[in-house]
């Protein structure tokens, strides 16, 4: 998928988002029609700390979702957000 330039974004999320599973979640956004400015690039968003933890469950509040979506839309860093990187295809 990477060699075919189909992966547009990888979003790492925190643990406990799924019932009875402490594993951290990861979203993979793919497309067969990348815009010209995104070709050969993958955006990595580390949103592990955007997950609100309550007891044994984690969840995303609206403000977390908006922040992650804003970073994806801008395809780059936004203020006060953790570790965003671009990978450029050689």
Protein backbone atom coordinates (compact mmCIF):
# COMPACT_ATOMS: atom_id res chain seq x y z
CA UNK A 1 0.00 0.00 0.00
CA UNK A 2 2.87 2.37 0.75
CA UNK A 3 4.71 1.59 -2.47
CA UNK A 4 1.48 2.18 -4.40
CA UNK A 5 1.10 5.55 -2.57
CA UNK A 6 -2.35 4.63 -1.25
CA UNK A 7 -1.77 5.54 2.43
CA UNK A 8 -2.55 9.17 3.15
CA UNK A 9 -2.55 9.28 6.95
CA UNK A 10 -1.88 7.09 10.00
CA UNK A 11 -3.52 8.20 13.26
CA UNK A 12 -2.35 6.60 16.49
CA UNK A 13 -4.94 6.68 19.29
CA UNK A 14 -4.76 5.77 22.96
CA UNK A 15 -5.75 2.56 24.75
CA UNK A 16 -9.13 1.30 25.97
CA UNK A 17 -11.26 2.69 23.14
CA UNK A 18 -12.84 -0.68 22.47
CA UNK A 19 -14.77 -2.70 25.01
CA UNK A 20 -12.62 -5.17 26.93
CA UNK A 21 -9.48 -4.34 24.92
CA UNK A 22 -6.56 -2.39 26.41
CA UNK A 23 -4.79 -2.19 23.02
CA UNK A 24 -4.06 1.17 21.45
CA UNK A 25 -6.04 1.86 18.29
CA UNK A 26 -4.67 3.03 14.96
CA UNK A 27 -6.59 4.49 12.02
CA UNK A 28 -5.29 4.13 8.50
CA UNK A 29 -6.68 6.58 5.94
CA UNK A 30 -6.20 5.47 2.36
CA UNK A 31 -7.11 6.93 -1.01
CA UNK A 32 -6.59 6.08 -4.64
CA UNK A 33 -6.79 9.75 -5.61
CA UNK A 34 -4.33 11.81 -3.55
CA UNK A 35 -4.15 15.51 -4.23
CA UNK A 36 -0.99 16.72 -5.99
CA UNK A 37 0.48 18.26 -2.80
CA UNK A 38 0.04 14.98 -0.85
CA UNK A 39 1.46 12.58 -3.44
CA UNK A 40 4.43 10.62 -2.11
CA UNK A 41 3.69 11.68 1.48
CA UNK A 42 2.13 10.07 4.53
CA UNK A 43 1.01 12.11 7.51
CA UNK A 44 1.54 10.50 10.92
CA UNK A 45 -0.59 11.90 13.75
CA UNK A 46 0.23 10.85 17.30
CA UNK A 47 -3.08 11.41 19.09
CA UNK A 48 -2.46 9.01 21.97
CA UNK A 49 -2.97 11.77 24.53
CA UNK A 50 -6.17 13.00 22.86
CA UNK A 51 -8.09 10.06 24.33
CA UNK A 52 -9.86 10.81 27.61
CA UNK A 53 -9.45 8.00 30.14
CA UNK A 54 -12.12 7.28 32.75
CA UNK A 55 -11.56 4.23 34.93
CA UNK A 56 -11.08 1.38 32.44
CA UNK A 57 -12.58 3.08 29.36
CA UNK A 58 -11.13 5.58 26.95
CA UNK A 59 -13.12 7.80 24.61
CA UNK A 60 -12.76 10.73 22.25
CA UNK A 61 -14.60 13.94 23.06
CA UNK A 62 -15.72 16.29 20.30
CA UNK A 63 -12.75 18.60 20.93
CA UNK A 64 -10.35 15.66 20.44
CA UNK A 65 -11.98 14.66 17.17
CA UNK A 66 -11.91 18.26 15.91
CA UNK A 67 -8.21 18.63 16.76
CA UNK A 68 -7.29 15.40 14.97
CA UNK A 69 -9.43 16.32 11.95
CA UNK A 70 -7.87 19.81 11.80
CA UNK A 71 -4.38 18.28 11.69
CA UNK A 72 -5.49 15.90 8.94
CA UNK A 73 -7.17 18.67 6.92
CA UNK A 74 -4.08 20.90 7.17
CA UNK A 75 -1.80 17.92 6.50
CA UNK A 76 0.67 19.24 9.05
CA UNK A 77 1.30 20.59 12.51
CA UNK A 78 -1.25 22.55 14.45
CA UNK A 79 -0.49 24.48 17.61
CA UNK A 80 -0.03 22.42 20.80
CA UNK A 81 -0.31 19.04 19.07
CA UNK A 82 2.07 16.15 19.52
CA UNK A 83 4.50 14.80 16.95
CA UNK A 84 3.30 15.20 13.38
CA UNK A 85 5.61 13.95 10.67
CA UNK A 86 5.69 13.66 6.92
CA UNK A 87 7.24 10.75 5.10
CA UNK A 88 8.26 11.44 1.54
CA UNK A 89 8.49 8.65 -0.99
CA UNK A 90 12.00 8.30 -2.45
